[in-house]
Amino acid sequence: MEGLLNLFLLDQIEDVENRLNEEINKKQIRDATVDLDLCSSNVQDAFVIAVEQQARERLERLSALKRVTPVDMTKLSQQVRFILFTTRVK
């Protein structure tokens, strides 16, 4: 009887250890996923910065060659809105 009780207790302990290990693994997976999300976001930010830098350098080269004229898009947008608004009012 005592041997069966010991086997039962060992089996119960193994079940608890297995469930605990599963929970630990799930937490590690969740943590790793969060880390990957943060890493992915950092990579995307770095890519955007690199593309912006390359675009800025290209624009500077083209404007130095007089092939393009840089335009402030904010001012251009305001001008377009003003023109559209004034033509609608009339």
PDB file of N, CA and C in Angstrom:
ATOM      1  N   MET A   1       0.821  -1.198   0.000  1.00  0.00           N
ATOM      2  CA  MET A   1       0.000   0.000   0.000  1.00  0.00           C
ATOM      3  C   MET A   1       0.866   1.264   0.000  1.00  0.00           C
ATOM      4  N   GLU A   2       1.887   1.238   0.823  1.00  0.00           N
ATOM      5  CA  GLU A   2       2.773   2.391   0.914  1.00  0.00           C
ATOM      6  C   GLU A   2       3.487   2.621  -0.420  1.00  0.00           C
ATOM      7  N   GLY A   3       3.864   1.556  -1.109  1.00  0.00           N
ATOM      8  CA  GLY A   3       4.512   1.662  -2.407  1.00  0.00           C
ATOM      9  C   GLY A   3       3.595   2.316  -3.435  1.00  0.00           C
ATOM     10  N   LEU A   4       2.300   1.945  -3.417  1.00  0.00           N
ATOM     11  CA  LEU A   4       1.328   2.552  -4.331  1.00  0.00           C
ATOM     12  C   LEU A   4       1.142   4.031  -4.030  1.00  0.00           C
ATOM     13  N   LEU A   5       1.121   4.337  -2.752  1.00  0.00           N
ATOM     14  CA  LEU A   5       0.966   5.743  -2.346  1.00  0.00           C
ATOM     15  C   LEU A   5       2.165   6.558  -2.822  1.00  0.00           C
ATOM     16  N   ASN A   6       3.365   5.981  -2.668  1.00  0.00           N
ATOM     17  CA  ASN A   6       4.567   6.676  -3.129  1.00  0.00           C
ATOM     18  C   ASN A   6       4.523   6.882  -4.647  1.00  0.00           C
ATOM     19  N   LEU A   7       4.106   5.864  -5.403  1.00  0.00           N
ATOM     20  CA  LEU A   7       3.981   5.996  -6.859  1.00  0.00           C
ATOM     21  C   LEU A   7       2.958   7.061  -7.234  1.00  0.00           C
ATOM     22  N   PHE A   8       1.837   7.064  -6.517  1.00  0.00           N
ATOM     23  CA  PHE A   8       0.799   8.055  -6.774  1.00  0.00           C
ATOM     24  C   PHE A   8       1.341   9.463  -6.514  1.00  0.00           C
ATOM     25  N   LEU A   9       2.040   9.628  -5.393  1.00  0.00           N
ATOM     26  CA  LEU A   9       2.595  10.942  -5.050  1.00  0.00           C
ATOM     27  C   LEU A   9       3.653  11.370  -6.073  1.00  0.00           C
ATOM     28  N   LEU A  10       4.503  10.437  -6.491  1.00  0.00           N
ATOM     29  CA  LEU A  10       5.506  10.757  -7.504  1.00  0.00           C
ATOM     30  C   LEU A  10       4.837  11.171  -8.812  1.00  0.00           C
ATOM     31  N   ASP A  11       3.774  10.448  -9.174  1.00  0.00           N
ATOM     32  CA  ASP A  11       3.032  10.784 -10.387  1.00  0.00           C
ATOM     33  C   ASP A  11       2.425  12.186 -10.281  1.00  0.00           C
ATOM     34  N   GLN A  12       1.866  12.506  -9.126  1.00  0.00           N
ATOM     35  CA  GLN A  12       1.288  13.830  -8.911  1.00  0.00           C
ATOM     36  C   GLN A  12       2.354  14.921  -8.969  1.00  0.00           C
ATOM     37  N   ILE A  13       3.511  14.635  -8.387  1.00  0.00           N
ATOM     38  CA  ILE A  13       4.609  15.601  -8.414  1.00  0.00           C
ATOM     39  C   ILE A  13       5.069  15.830  -9.850  1.00  0.00           C
ATOM     40  N   GLU A  14       5.173  14.744 -10.630  1.00  0.00           N
ATOM     41  CA  GLU A  14       5.559  14.886 -12.037  1.00  0.00           C
ATOM     42  C   GLU A  14       4.549  15.721 -12.806  1.00  0.00           C
ATOM     43  N   ASP A  15       3.256  15.490 -12.540  1.00  0.00           N
ATOM     44  CA  ASP A  15       2.221  16.288 -13.216  1.00  0.00           C
ATOM     45  C   ASP A  15       2.368  17.773 -12.897  1.00  0.00           C
ATOM     46  N   VAL A  16       2.591  18.074 -11.642  1.00  0.00           N
ATOM     47  CA  VAL A  16       2.751  19.468 -11.230  1.00  0.00           C
ATOM     48  C   VAL A  16       4.001  20.057 -11.885  1.00  0.00           C
ATOM     49  N   GLU A  17       5.105  19.308 -11.897  1.00  0.00           N
ATOM     50  CA  GLU A  17       6.331  19.790 -12.540  1.00  0.00           C
ATOM     51  C   GLU A  17       6.107  20.030 -14.034  1.00  0.00           C
ATOM     52  N   ASN A  18       5.404  19.119 -14.688  1.00  0.00           N
ATOM     53  CA  ASN A  18       5.133  19.272 -16.118  1.00  0.00           C
ATOM     54  C   ASN A  18       4.289  20.513 -16.391  1.00  0.00           C
ATOM     55  N   ARG A  19       3.245  20.717 -15.578  1.00  0.00           N
ATOM     56  CA  ARG A  19       2.408  21.907 -15.767  1.00  0.00           C
ATOM     57  C   ARG A  19       3.203  23.181 -15.505  1.00  0.00           C
ATOM     58  N   LEU A  20       4.034  23.133 -14.479  1.00  0.00           N
ATOM     59  CA  LEU A  20       4.874  24.290 -14.162  1.00  0.00           C
ATOM     60  C   LEU A  20       5.832  24.583 -15.315  1.00  0.00           C
ATOM     61  N   ASN A  21       6.458  23.551 -15.857  1.00  0.00           N
ATOM     62  CA  ASN A  21       7.366  23.731 -16.990  1.00  0.00           C
ATOM     63  C   ASN A  21       6.620  24.285 -18.209  1.00  0.00           C
ATOM     64  N   GLU A  22       5.398  23.811 -18.443  1.00  0.00           N
ATOM     65  CA  GLU A  22       4.603  24.331 -19.558  1.00  0.00           C
ATOM     66  C   GLU A  22       4.321  25.813 -19.371  1.00  0.00           C
ATOM     67  N   GLU A  23       3.973  26.205 -18.151  1.00  0.00           N
ATOM     68  CA  GLU A  23       3.696  27.621 -17.878  1.00  0.00           C
ATOM     69  C   GLU A  23       4.961  28.459 -18.046  1.00  0.00           C
ATOM     70  N   ILE A  24       6.087  27.921 -17.583  1.00  0.00           N
ATOM     71  CA  ILE A  24       7.351  28.641 -17.743  1.00  0.00           C
ATOM     72  C   ILE A  24       7.667  28.794 -19.228  1.00  0.00           C
ATOM     73  N   ASN A  25       7.483  27.717 -20.002  1.00  0.00           N
ATOM     74  CA  ASN A  25       7.739  27.782 -21.445  1.00  0.00           C
ATOM     75  C   ASN A  25       6.820  28.787 -22.125  1.00  0.00           C
ATOM     76  N   LYS A  26       5.541  28.803 -21.732  1.00  0.00           N
ATOM     77  CA  LYS A  26       4.605  29.765 -22.313  1.00  0.00           C
ATOM     78  C   LYS A  26       5.047  31.185 -22.011  1.00  0.00           C
ATOM     79  N   LYS A  27       5.480  31.428 -20.768  1.00  0.00           N
ATOM     80  CA  LYS A  27       5.937  32.768 -20.394  1.00  0.00           C
ATOM     81  C   LYS A  27       7.184  33.145 -21.182  1.00  0.00           C
ATOM     82  N   GLN A  28       8.105  32.200 -21.343  1.00  0.00           N
ATOM     83  CA  GLN A  28       9.315  32.480 -22.110  1.00  0.00           C
ATOM     84  C   GLN A  28       8.971  32.795 -23.561  1.00  0.00           C
ATOM     85  N   ILE A  29       8.007  32.079 -24.111  1.00  0.00           N
ATOM     86  CA  ILE A  29       7.581  32.338 -25.488  1.00  0.00           C
ATOM     87  C   ILE A  29       6.956  33.724 -25.594  1.00  0.00           C
ATOM     88  N   ARG A  30       6.087  34.078 -24.611  1.00  0.00           N
ATOM     89  CA  ARG A  30       5.472  35.414 -24.621  1.00  0.00           C
ATOM     90  C   ARG A  30       6.545  36.492 -24.512  1.00  0.00           C
ATOM     91  N   ASP A  31       7.509  36.285 -23.610  1.00  0.00           N
ATOM     92  CA  ASP A  31       8.589  37.265 -23.449  1.00  0.00           C
ATOM     93  C   ASP A  31       9.415  37.391 -24.722  1.00  0.00           C
ATOM     94  N   ALA A  32       9.706  36.263 -25.342  1.00  0.00           N
ATOM     95  CA  ALA A  32      10.488  36.282 -26.578  1.00  0.00           C
ATOM     96  C   ALA A  32       9.724  36.992 -27.689  1.00  0.00           C
ATOM     97  N   THR A  33       8.403  36.784 -27.720  1.00  0.00           N
ATOM     98  CA  THR A  33       7.574  37.446 -28.729  1.00  0.00           C
ATOM     99  C   THR A  33       7.601  38.954 -28.537  1.00  0.00           C
ATOM    100  N   VAL A  34       7.500  39.393 -27.298  1.00  0.00           N
ATOM    101  CA  VAL A  34       7.566  40.831 -27.004  1.00  0.00           C
ATOM    102  C   VAL A  34       8.927  41.378 -27.420  1.00  0.00           C
ATOM    103  N   ASP A  35      10.001  40.626 -27.102  1.00  0.00           N
ATOM    104  CA  ASP A  35      11.339  41.063 -27.491  1.00  0.00           C
ATOM    105  C   ASP A  35      11.457  41.182 -29.009  1.00  0.00           C
ATOM    106  N   LEU A  36      10.894  40.195 -29.727  1.00  0.00           N
ATOM    107  CA  LEU A  36      10.936  40.238 -31.190  1.00  0.00           C
ATOM    108  C   LEU A  36      10.149  41.427 -31.725  1.00  0.00           C
ATOM    109  N   ASP A  37       8.993  41.703 -31.109  1.00  0.00           N
ATOM    110  CA  ASP A  37       8.194  42.853 -31.541  1.00  0.00           C
ATOM    111  C   ASP A  37       8.976  44.147 -31.362  1.00  0.00           C
ATOM    112  N   LEU A  38       9.635  44.289 -30.216  1.00  0.00           N
ATOM    113  CA  LEU A  38      10.428  45.493 -29.964  1.00  0.00           C
ATOM    114  C   LEU A  38      11.599  45.579 -30.935  1.00  0.00           C
ATOM    115  N   CYS A  39      12.246  44.448 -31.162  1.00  0.00           N
ATOM    116  CA  CYS A  39      13.377  44.407 -32.093  1.00  0.00           C
ATOM    117  C   CYS A  39      12.903  44.761 -33.499  1.00  0.00           C
ATOM    118  N   SER A  40      11.775  44.204 -33.895  1.00  0.00           N
ATOM    119  CA  SER A  40      11.225  44.483 -35.223  1.00  0.00           C
ATOM    120  C   SER A  40      10.917  45.966 -35.371  1.00  0.00           C
ATOM    121  N   SER A  41      10.350  46.548 -34.339  1.00  0.00           N
ATOM    122  CA  SER A  41      10.035  47.970 -34.365  1.00  0.00           C
ATOM    123  C   SER A  41      11.313  48.798 -34.499  1.00  0.00           C
ATOM    124  N   ASN A  42      12.353  48.408 -33.773  1.00  0.00           N
ATOM    125  CA  ASN A  42      13.627  49.132 -33.859  1.00  0.00           C
ATOM    126  C   ASN A  42      14.236  49.014 -35.247  1.00  0.00           C
ATOM    127  N   VAL A  43      14.125  47.828 -35.855  1.00  0.00           N
ATOM    128  CA  VAL A  43      14.648  47.628 -37.208  1.00  0.00           C
ATOM    129  C   VAL A  43      13.881  48.490 -38.194  1.00  0.00           C
ATOM    130  N   GLN A  44      12.546  48.532 -38.044  1.00  0.00           N
ATOM    131  CA  GLN A  44      11.729  49.365 -38.934  1.00  0.00           C
ATOM    132  C   GLN A  44      12.101  50.834 -38.786  1.00  0.00           C
ATOM    133  N   ASP A  45      12.280  51.288 -37.540  1.00  0.00           N
ATOM    134  CA  ASP A  45      12.670  52.683 -37.307  1.00  0.00           C
ATOM    135  C   ASP A  45      14.026  52.974 -37.957  1.00  0.00           C
ATOM    136  N   ALA A  46      14.973  52.063 -37.799  1.00  0.00           N
ATOM    137  CA  ALA A  46      16.299  52.260 -38.385  1.00  0.00           C
ATOM    138  C   ALA A  46      16.208  52.298 -39.907  1.00  0.00           C
ATOM    139  N   PHE A  47      15.368  51.455 -40.482  1.00  0.00           N
ATOM    140  CA  PHE A  47      15.197  51.434 -41.937  1.00  0.00           C
ATOM    141  C   PHE A  47      14.631  52.761 -42.429  1.00  0.00           C
ATOM    142  N   VAL A  48      13.603  53.254 -41.746  1.00  0.00           N
ATOM    143  CA  VAL A  48      12.993  54.529 -42.141  1.00  0.00           C
ATOM    144  C   VAL A  48      14.007  55.651 -42.044  1.00  0.00           C
ATOM    145  N   ILE A  49      14.781  55.665 -40.986  1.00  0.00           N
ATOM    146  CA  ILE A  49      15.795  56.704 -40.822  1.00  0.00           C
ATOM    147  C   ILE A  49      16.822  56.624 -41.954  1.00  0.00           C
ATOM    148  N   ALA A  50      17.253  55.401 -42.291  1.00  0.00           N
ATOM    149  CA  ALA A  50      18.233  55.225 -43.360  1.00  0.00           C
ATOM    150  C   ALA A  50      17.665  55.682 -44.704  1.00  0.00           C
ATOM    151  N   VAL A  51      16.414  55.325 -44.979  1.00  0.00           N
ATOM    152  CA  VAL A  51      15.783  55.729 -46.238  1.00  0.00           C
ATOM    153  C   VAL A  51      15.644  57.250 -46.289  1.00  0.00           C
ATOM    154  N   GLU A  52      15.224  57.849 -45.170  1.00  0.00           N
ATOM    155  CA  GLU A  52      15.093  59.306 -45.138  1.00  0.00           C
ATOM    156  C   GLU A  52      16.452  59.968 -45.376  1.00  0.00           C
ATOM    157  N   GLN A  53      17.487  59.416 -44.745  1.00  0.00           N
ATOM    158  CA  GLN A  53      18.828  59.977 -44.917  1.00  0.00           C
ATOM    159  C   GLN A  53      19.275  59.870 -46.378  1.00  0.00           C
ATOM    160  N   GLN A  54      19.039  58.698 -46.996  1.00  0.00           N
ATOM    161  CA  GLN A  54      19.415  58.517 -48.394  1.00  0.00           C
ATOM    162  C   GLN A  54      18.625  59.472 -49.295  1.00  0.00           C
ATOM    163  N   ALA A  55      17.351  59.636 -49.018  1.00  0.00           N
ATOM    164  CA  ALA A  55      16.517  60.539 -49.826  1.00  0.00           C
ATOM    165  C   ALA A  55      17.001  61.974 -49.666  1.00  0.00           C
ATOM    166  N   ARG A  56      17.339  62.365 -48.456  1.00  0.00           N
ATOM    167  CA  ARG A  56      17.831  63.723 -48.206  1.00  0.00           C
ATOM    168  C   ARG A  56      19.138  63.964 -48.969  1.00  0.00           C
ATOM    169  N   GLU A  57      20.044  62.973 -48.918  1.00  0.00           N
ATOM    170  CA  GLU A  57      21.321  63.115 -49.624  1.00  0.00           C
ATOM    171  C   GLU A  57      21.099  63.184 -51.131  1.00  0.00           C
ATOM    172  N   ARG A  58      20.207  62.368 -51.663  1.00  0.00           N
ATOM    173  CA  ARG A  58      19.932  62.382 -53.101  1.00  0.00           C
ATOM    174  C   ARG A  58      19.322  63.724 -53.521  1.00  0.00           C
ATOM    175  N   LEU A  59      18.392  64.215 -52.712  1.00  0.00           N
ATOM    176  CA  LEU A  59      17.775  65.510 -53.007  1.00  0.00           C
ATOM    177  C   LEU A  59      18.826  66.617 -53.003  1.00  0.00           C
ATOM    178  N   GLU A  60      19.749  66.558 -52.056  1.00  0.00           N
ATOM    179  CA  GLU A  60      20.819  67.563 -52.010  1.00  0.00           C
ATOM    180  C   GLU A  60      21.690  67.492 -53.269  1.00  0.00           C
ATOM    181  N   ARG A  61      22.026  66.262 -53.698  1.00  0.00           N
ATOM    182  CA  ARG A  61      22.844  66.111 -54.916  1.00  0.00           C
ATOM    183  C   ARG A  61      22.096  66.637 -56.147  1.00  0.00           C
ATOM    184  N   LEU A  62      20.803  66.260 -56.266  1.00  0.00           N
ATOM    185  CA  LEU A  62      20.022  66.697 -57.430  1.00  0.00           C
ATOM    186  C   LEU A  62      19.826  68.207 -57.434  1.00  0.00           C
ATOM    187  N   SER A  63      19.594  68.784 -56.255  1.00  0.00           N
ATOM    188  CA  SER A  63      19.403  70.240 -56.241  1.00  0.00           C
ATOM    189  C   SER A  63      20.726  70.947 -56.527  1.00  0.00           C
ATOM    190  N   ALA A  64      21.852  70.350 -56.137  1.00  0.00           N
ATOM    191  CA  ALA A  64      23.160  70.933 -56.458  1.00  0.00           C
ATOM    192  C   ALA A  64      23.400  70.895 -57.965  1.00  0.00           C
ATOM    193  N   LEU A  65      22.869  69.885 -58.636  1.00  0.00           N
ATOM    194  CA  LEU A  65      23.011  69.782 -60.090  1.00  0.00           C
ATOM    195  C   LEU A  65      21.941  70.591 -60.822  1.00  0.00           C
ATOM    196  N   LYS A  66      21.081  71.267 -60.069  1.00  0.00           N
ATOM    197  CA  LYS A  66      19.988  72.075 -60.619  1.00  0.00           C
ATOM    198  C   LYS A  66      18.962  71.232 -61.389  1.00  0.00           C
ATOM    199  N   ARG A  67      18.862  69.951 -61.050  1.00  0.00           N
ATOM    200  CA  ARG A  67      17.871  69.092 -61.710  1.00  0.00           C
ATOM    201  C   ARG A  67      16.516  69.168 -61.031  1.00  0.00           C
ATOM    202  N   VAL A  68      16.507  69.487 -59.746  1.00  0.00           N
ATOM    203  CA  VAL A  68      15.244  69.615 -59.011  1.00  0.00           C
ATOM    204  C   VAL A  68      15.324  70.842 -58.129  1.00  0.00           C
ATOM    205  N   THR A  69      14.164  71.335 -57.786  1.00  0.00           N
ATOM    206  CA  THR A  69      14.076  72.432 -56.841  1.00  0.00           C
ATOM    207  C   THR A  69      13.355  71.922 -55.601  1.00  0.00           C
ATOM    208  N   PRO A  70      14.019  71.926 -54.450  1.00  0.00           N
ATOM    209  CA  PRO A  70      13.361  71.443 -53.235  1.00  0.00           C
ATOM    210  C   PRO A  70      12.142  72.307 -52.907  1.00  0.00           C
ATOM    211  N   VAL A  71      11.090  71.665 -52.443  1.00  0.00           N
ATOM    212  CA  VAL A  71       9.847  72.358 -52.100  1.00  0.00           C
ATOM    213  C   VAL A  71       9.441  71.942 -50.696  1.00  0.00           C
ATOM    214  N   ASP A  72       9.060  72.908 -49.905  1.00  0.00           N
ATOM    215  CA  ASP A  72       8.537  72.627 -48.572  1.00  0.00           C
ATOM    216  C   ASP A  72       7.103  72.136 -48.744  1.00  0.00           C
ATOM    217  N   MET A  73       6.879  70.852 -48.490  1.00  0.00           N
ATOM    218  CA  MET A  73       5.563  70.257 -48.729  1.00  0.00           C
ATOM    219  C   MET A  73       4.489  70.838 -47.807  1.00  0.00           C
ATOM    220  N   THR A  74       4.869  71.274 -46.629  1.00  0.00           N
ATOM    221  CA  THR A  74       3.896  71.879 -45.722  1.00  0.00           C
ATOM    222  C   THR A  74       3.391  73.192 -46.293  1.00  0.00           C
ATOM    223  N   LYS A  75       4.324  74.023 -46.755  1.00  0.00           N
ATOM    224  CA  LYS A  75       3.925  75.307 -47.357  1.00  0.00           C
ATOM    225  C   LYS A  75       3.106  75.085 -48.629  1.00  0.00           C
ATOM    226  N   LEU A  76       3.526  74.113 -49.428  1.00  0.00           N
ATOM    227  CA  LEU A  76       2.802  73.815 -50.661  1.00  0.00           C
ATOM    228  C   LEU A  76       1.371  73.375 -50.357  1.00  0.00           C
ATOM    229  N   SER A  77       1.225  72.545 -49.351  1.00  0.00           N
ATOM    230  CA  SER A  77      -0.106  72.081 -48.952  1.00  0.00           C
ATOM    231  C   SER A  77      -0.978  73.245 -48.491  1.00  0.00           C
ATOM    232  N   GLN A  78      -0.388  74.151 -47.720  1.00  0.00           N
ATOM    233  CA  GLN A  78      -1.132  75.316 -47.253  1.00  0.00           C
ATOM    234  C   GLN A  78      -1.544  76.203 -48.430  1.00  0.00           C
ATOM    235  N   GLN A  79      -0.667  76.369 -49.393  1.00  0.00           N
ATOM    236  CA  GLN A  79      -0.979  77.177 -50.566  1.00  0.00           C
ATOM    237  C   GLN A  79      -2.118  76.554 -51.373  1.00  0.00           C
ATOM    238  N   VAL A  80      -2.052  75.236 -51.546  1.00  0.00           N
ATOM    239  CA  VAL A  80      -3.105  74.548 -52.306  1.00  0.00           C
ATOM    240  C   VAL A  80      -4.440  74.689 -51.586  1.00  0.00           C
ATOM    241  N   ARG A  81      -4.443  74.489 -50.269  1.00  0.00           N
ATOM    242  CA  ARG A  81      -5.691  74.654 -49.512  1.00  0.00           C
ATOM    243  C   ARG A  81      -6.235  76.067 -49.630  1.00  0.00           C
ATOM    244  N   PHE A  82      -5.347  77.054 -49.552  1.00  0.00           N
ATOM    245  CA  PHE A  82      -5.763  78.444 -49.658  1.00  0.00           C
ATOM    246  C   PHE A  82      -6.391  78.697 -51.025  1.00  0.00           C
ATOM    247  N   ILE A  83      -5.746  78.225 -52.081  1.00  0.00           N
ATOM    248  CA  ILE A  83      -6.275  78.417 -53.438  1.00  0.00           C
ATOM    249  C   ILE A  83      -7.628  77.732 -53.579  1.00  0.00           C
ATOM    250  N   LEU A  84      -7.726  76.507 -53.111  1.00  0.00           N
ATOM    251  CA  LEU A  84      -9.003  75.779 -53.204  1.00  0.00           C
ATOM    252  C   LEU A  84     -10.105  76.497 -52.416  1.00  0.00           C
ATOM    253  N   PHE A  85      -9.753  76.975 -51.225  1.00  0.00           N
ATOM    254  CA  PHE A  85     -10.739  77.655 -50.388  1.00  0.00           C
ATOM    255  C   PHE A  85     -11.197  78.967 -51.040  1.00  0.00           C
ATOM    256  N   THR A  86     -10.260  79.746 -51.557  1.00  0.00           N
ATOM    257  CA  THR A  86     -10.616  81.051 -52.142  1.00  0.00           C
ATOM    258  C   THR A  86     -11.399  80.871 -53.451  1.00  0.00           C
ATOM    259  N   THR A  87     -11.138  79.810 -54.197  1.00  0.00           N
ATOM    260  CA  THR A  87     -11.895  79.607 -55.431  1.00  0.00           C
ATOM    261  C   THR A  87     -13.300  79.092 -55.145  1.00  0.00           C
ATOM    262  N   ARG A  88     -13.498  78.401 -54.045  1.00  0.00           N
ATOM    263  CA  ARG A  88     -14.829  77.915 -53.674  1.00  0.00           C
ATOM    264  C   ARG A  88     -15.704  79.025 -53.117  1.00  0.00           C
ATOM    265  N   VAL A  89     -15.092  79.976 -52.426  1.00  0.00           N
ATOM    266  CA  VAL A  89     -15.832  81.048 -51.779  1.00  0.00           C
ATOM    267  C   VAL A  89     -16.488  81.942 -52.822  1.00  0.00           C
ATOM    268  N   LYS A  90     -15.855  82.153 -53.927  1.00  0.00           N
ATOM    269  CA  LYS A  90     -16.376  83.054 -54.966  1.00  0.00           C
ATOM    270  C   LYS A  90     -17.583  82.510 -55.579  1.00  0.00           C
TER     271      LYS A  90
END
